[in-house]
């Protein structure tokens, strides 16, 4: 979800309980260094990753496998 530009950090917090800094730390650990740098450059300051900065409400990406992801709080409802 963090890789997708349209999914906000707020949505990740809601579903998985991970704050923005925790997502960044997780991405840093799990990605190749070059991929992480590319992602950080793309995400840093991006309005679509921060719900309060968005000027639209629609357009949030939803993965077809989203219900199958481990630790997903929404899938357990």
N, C-alpha and C. Protein backbone atom coordinates (compact mmCIF):
# COMPACT_ATOMS: atom_id res chain seq x y z
N UNK A 1 0.83 -1.19 0.00
CA UNK A 1 0.00 0.00 0.00
C UNK A 1 0.88 1.25 0.00
N UNK A 2 1.99 1.20 0.67
CA UNK A 2 2.86 2.37 0.75
C UNK A 2 3.47 2.69 -0.61
N UNK A 3 3.69 1.67 -1.43
CA UNK A 3 4.29 1.89 -2.75
C UNK A 3 3.32 2.65 -3.66
N UNK A 4 2.03 2.41 -3.51
CA UNK A 4 1.01 3.04 -4.33
C UNK A 4 0.87 4.51 -3.95
N UNK A 5 0.92 5.40 -4.92
CA UNK A 5 0.89 6.84 -4.67
C UNK A 5 -0.45 7.33 -4.16
N UNK A 6 -1.54 6.69 -4.55
CA UNK A 6 -2.87 7.18 -4.18
C UNK A 6 -3.33 6.73 -2.79
N UNK A 7 -2.63 5.78 -2.18
CA UNK A 7 -3.00 5.31 -0.86
C UNK A 7 -2.31 6.19 0.18
N UNK A 8 -3.10 6.81 1.03
CA UNK A 8 -2.54 7.75 2.01
C UNK A 8 -1.92 7.02 3.20
N UNK A 9 -1.04 7.73 3.89
CA UNK A 9 -0.47 7.18 5.12
C UNK A 9 -1.57 7.01 6.17
N UNK A 10 -2.61 7.85 6.10
CA UNK A 10 -3.74 7.73 7.04
C UNK A 10 -4.48 6.40 6.83
N UNK A 11 -4.62 5.97 5.58
CA UNK A 11 -5.28 4.70 5.29
C UNK A 11 -4.44 3.53 5.82
N UNK A 12 -3.14 3.65 5.70
CA UNK A 12 -2.24 2.60 6.22
C UNK A 12 -2.34 2.56 7.74
N UNK A 13 -2.40 3.73 8.37
CA UNK A 13 -2.56 3.79 9.83
C UNK A 13 -3.87 3.15 10.26
N UNK A 14 -4.95 3.43 9.54
CA UNK A 14 -6.26 2.87 9.86
C UNK A 14 -6.26 1.35 9.75
N UNK A 15 -5.67 0.82 8.68
CA UNK A 15 -5.73 -0.61 8.43
C UNK A 15 -4.71 -1.42 9.20
N UNK A 16 -3.51 -0.88 9.35
CA UNK A 16 -2.43 -1.67 9.94
C UNK A 16 -1.87 -1.11 11.23
N UNK A 17 -2.27 0.11 11.60
CA UNK A 17 -1.79 0.71 12.84
C UNK A 17 -0.35 1.20 12.76
N UNK A 18 0.16 1.40 11.55
CA UNK A 18 1.53 1.88 11.37
C UNK A 18 1.51 3.38 11.05
N UNK A 19 2.25 4.15 11.83
CA UNK A 19 2.37 5.58 11.57
C UNK A 19 3.29 5.80 10.38
N UNK A 20 3.29 7.03 9.87
CA UNK A 20 4.08 7.34 8.68
C UNK A 20 5.56 6.97 8.87
N UNK A 21 6.15 7.33 10.00
CA UNK A 21 7.56 7.02 10.22
C UNK A 21 7.80 5.53 10.31
N UNK A 22 6.86 4.78 10.85
CA UNK A 22 7.00 3.32 10.92
C UNK A 22 6.93 2.71 9.52
N UNK A 23 6.09 3.27 8.66
CA UNK A 23 6.00 2.80 7.26
C UNK A 23 7.32 3.08 6.56
N UNK A 24 7.87 4.27 6.77
CA UNK A 24 9.14 4.62 6.14
C UNK A 24 10.25 3.68 6.61
N UNK A 25 10.30 3.40 7.92
CA UNK A 25 11.30 2.48 8.45
C UNK A 25 11.13 1.08 7.89
N UNK A 26 9.88 0.62 7.76
CA UNK A 26 9.61 -0.70 7.19
C UNK A 26 10.05 -0.76 5.73
N UNK A 27 9.72 0.27 4.98
CA UNK A 27 10.13 0.31 3.56
C UNK A 27 11.65 0.32 3.45
N UNK A 28 12.32 1.05 4.33
CA UNK A 28 13.78 1.11 4.32
C UNK A 28 14.38 -0.28 4.56
N UNK A 29 13.78 -1.05 5.49
CA UNK A 29 14.32 -2.38 5.81
C UNK A 29 14.02 -3.39 4.71
N UNK A 30 12.86 -3.30 4.07
CA UNK A 30 12.41 -4.34 3.15
C UNK A 30 12.81 -4.12 1.69
N UNK A 31 13.15 -2.90 1.34
CA UNK A 31 13.46 -2.59 -0.06
C UNK A 31 14.96 -2.52 -0.30
N UNK A 32 15.34 -2.67 -1.56
CA UNK A 32 16.73 -2.43 -1.94
C UNK A 32 17.00 -0.94 -1.72
N UNK A 33 18.22 -0.59 -1.38
CA UNK A 33 18.53 0.83 -1.12
C UNK A 33 18.15 1.77 -2.28
N UNK A 34 18.41 1.35 -3.50
CA UNK A 34 18.09 2.21 -4.64
C UNK A 34 16.58 2.35 -4.82
N UNK A 35 15.83 1.30 -4.58
CA UNK A 35 14.37 1.35 -4.68
C UNK A 35 13.79 2.23 -3.58
N UNK A 36 14.37 2.14 -2.38
CA UNK A 36 13.89 2.98 -1.29
C UNK A 36 14.14 4.45 -1.60
N UNK A 37 15.32 4.78 -2.09
CA UNK A 37 15.62 6.19 -2.43
C UNK A 37 14.66 6.71 -3.49
N UNK A 38 14.38 5.89 -4.50
CA UNK A 38 13.45 6.28 -5.55
C UNK A 38 12.05 6.50 -4.98
N UNK A 39 11.60 5.62 -4.09
CA UNK A 39 10.29 5.75 -3.46
C UNK A 39 10.22 7.00 -2.60
N UNK A 40 11.24 7.26 -1.77
CA UNK A 40 11.24 8.42 -0.89
C UNK A 40 11.23 9.71 -1.70
N UNK A 41 11.98 9.75 -2.76
CA UNK A 41 12.01 10.94 -3.61
C UNK A 41 10.63 11.19 -4.22
N UNK A 42 9.96 10.12 -4.62
CA UNK A 42 8.65 10.24 -5.24
C UNK A 42 7.57 10.62 -4.22
N UNK A 43 7.66 10.10 -3.00
CA UNK A 43 6.62 10.28 -1.98
C UNK A 43 6.77 11.57 -1.19
N UNK A 44 7.99 12.01 -0.99
CA UNK A 44 8.24 13.16 -0.13
C UNK A 44 7.52 14.40 -0.63
N UNK A 45 6.63 14.93 0.20
CA UNK A 45 5.90 16.13 -0.15
C UNK A 45 4.73 15.92 -1.09
N UNK A 46 4.44 14.68 -1.42
CA UNK A 46 3.35 14.38 -2.35
C UNK A 46 2.00 14.56 -1.66
N UNK A 47 1.13 15.34 -2.27
CA UNK A 47 -0.18 15.62 -1.67
C UNK A 47 -1.04 14.38 -1.54
N UNK A 48 -0.92 13.45 -2.46
CA UNK A 48 -1.80 12.28 -2.43
C UNK A 48 -1.48 11.33 -1.29
N UNK A 49 -0.30 11.42 -0.69
CA UNK A 49 0.06 10.53 0.41
C UNK A 49 -0.40 11.07 1.76
N UNK A 50 -0.87 12.32 1.79
CA UNK A 50 -1.29 12.94 3.04
C UNK A 50 -2.73 13.42 2.87
N UNK A 51 -3.64 12.79 3.59
CA UNK A 51 -5.07 13.04 3.41
C UNK A 51 -5.45 14.51 3.62
N UNK A 52 -4.82 15.19 4.56
CA UNK A 52 -5.15 16.58 4.83
C UNK A 52 -4.73 17.52 3.70
N UNK A 53 -3.75 17.12 2.90
CA UNK A 53 -3.27 17.95 1.81
C UNK A 53 -4.01 17.70 0.50
N UNK A 54 -4.78 16.63 0.44
CA UNK A 54 -5.49 16.28 -0.80
C UNK A 54 -6.62 17.26 -1.06
N UNK A 55 -6.85 17.55 -2.33
CA UNK A 55 -7.98 18.39 -2.70
C UNK A 55 -9.11 17.57 -3.31
N UNK A 56 -9.02 16.23 -3.15
CA UNK A 56 -10.07 15.33 -3.62
C UNK A 56 -10.20 14.19 -2.63
N UNK A 57 -11.32 13.53 -2.61
CA UNK A 57 -11.56 12.41 -1.69
C UNK A 57 -11.57 11.07 -2.41
N UNK A 58 -11.98 11.07 -3.65
CA UNK A 58 -12.05 9.82 -4.41
C UNK A 58 -10.69 9.50 -5.00
N UNK A 59 -10.52 8.28 -5.43
CA UNK A 59 -9.30 7.90 -6.12
C UNK A 59 -8.34 7.10 -5.27
N UNK A 60 -8.76 6.66 -4.08
CA UNK A 60 -7.89 5.84 -3.25
C UNK A 60 -7.78 4.46 -3.87
N UNK A 61 -6.57 3.99 -4.00
CA UNK A 61 -6.31 2.70 -4.61
C UNK A 61 -6.72 1.57 -3.66
N UNK A 62 -7.36 0.55 -4.18
CA UNK A 62 -7.68 -0.63 -3.38
C UNK A 62 -7.21 -1.86 -4.13
N UNK A 63 -6.28 -2.54 -3.54
CA UNK A 63 -5.70 -3.74 -4.13
C UNK A 63 -6.73 -4.88 -4.11
N UNK A 64 -6.73 -5.71 -5.12
CA UNK A 64 -7.67 -6.83 -5.18
C UNK A 64 -7.36 -7.87 -4.10
N UNK A 65 -6.12 -7.91 -3.59
CA UNK A 65 -5.73 -8.87 -2.56
C UNK A 65 -5.80 -8.26 -1.17
N UNK A 66 -6.37 -7.08 -1.03
CA UNK A 66 -6.32 -6.34 0.23
C UNK A 66 -6.89 -7.12 1.41
N UNK A 67 -7.93 -7.91 1.20
CA UNK A 67 -8.52 -8.67 2.30
C UNK A 67 -7.62 -9.83 2.74
N UNK A 68 -6.68 -10.23 1.91
CA UNK A 68 -5.83 -11.37 2.22
C UNK A 68 -4.53 -10.97 2.92
N UNK A 69 -4.24 -9.69 3.03
CA UNK A 69 -2.99 -9.22 3.60
C UNK A 69 -2.98 -9.47 5.11
N UNK A 70 -1.89 -10.00 5.62
CA UNK A 70 -1.75 -10.24 7.06
C UNK A 70 -1.78 -8.94 7.84
N UNK A 71 -2.31 -8.97 9.04
CA UNK A 71 -2.38 -7.83 9.96
C UNK A 71 -3.28 -6.71 9.46
N UNK A 72 -4.13 -6.99 8.50
CA UNK A 72 -5.04 -5.98 7.96
C UNK A 72 -6.27 -5.95 8.86
N UNK A 73 -6.46 -4.85 9.58
CA UNK A 73 -7.58 -4.74 10.54
C UNK A 73 -8.93 -4.73 9.85
N UNK A 74 -9.02 -4.17 8.66
CA UNK A 74 -10.29 -4.08 7.96
C UNK A 74 -10.78 -5.47 7.51
N UNK A 75 -9.87 -6.34 7.12
CA UNK A 75 -10.28 -7.67 6.63
C UNK A 75 -10.88 -8.53 7.75
N UNK A 76 -10.63 -8.17 8.99
CA UNK A 76 -11.11 -8.97 10.11
C UNK A 76 -12.47 -8.51 10.63
N UNK A 77 -13.05 -7.49 10.00
CA UNK A 77 -14.37 -6.99 10.42
C UNK A 77 -15.47 -7.90 9.95
